């Protein structure tokens, strides 16, 4: 026969609250310091404007050589992403929305001989579209927080909703 224990378990959750508040504030301070030391948010091409270029090669191509060729074309710090495991396809994000991107890349990769480079696609995003996308993202976050506040205020209490939105 099973017996059910009726012993009361009492745990003092608030005993160490100051320690946990201090630890939480420390984490927030570290996050803010990292944010400011790294120069803020690193927005993607869709938010800042620029070009996203998809390159492919006939044979496998080393990403360090792609970086060298991009530096020659004037795109020194462009992020490069390898697609697939073959090492033949790359996505390059350039912070310029100039129509001459294709010709600059063709000139930079022209001396590759038997490993021909092909530009599979160029997506240009203007700065105006990027700022509109950024504004729409902020509006979406604000509206979702407002809906969360309203739901918790109706379901529980307004002060719990405010706490959830602040958190």
Foldseek 3Di string as FASTA:
>chain_A
DDDDDPDDDDDDPCPCVVVVVVVVVVVVVVVVVVCVVVPHDDDACQQQWFKKWKKFKPAADDVVVVLVLCVVLVQNPWDKDADDDRNGMIITTGNHQDPCPVVSSCVSCVPVPPTDMDTPDMDGHGRVSNNVVVVVVVVVLVVVLVVQQVVCCVVPNNVVSVVVSVD
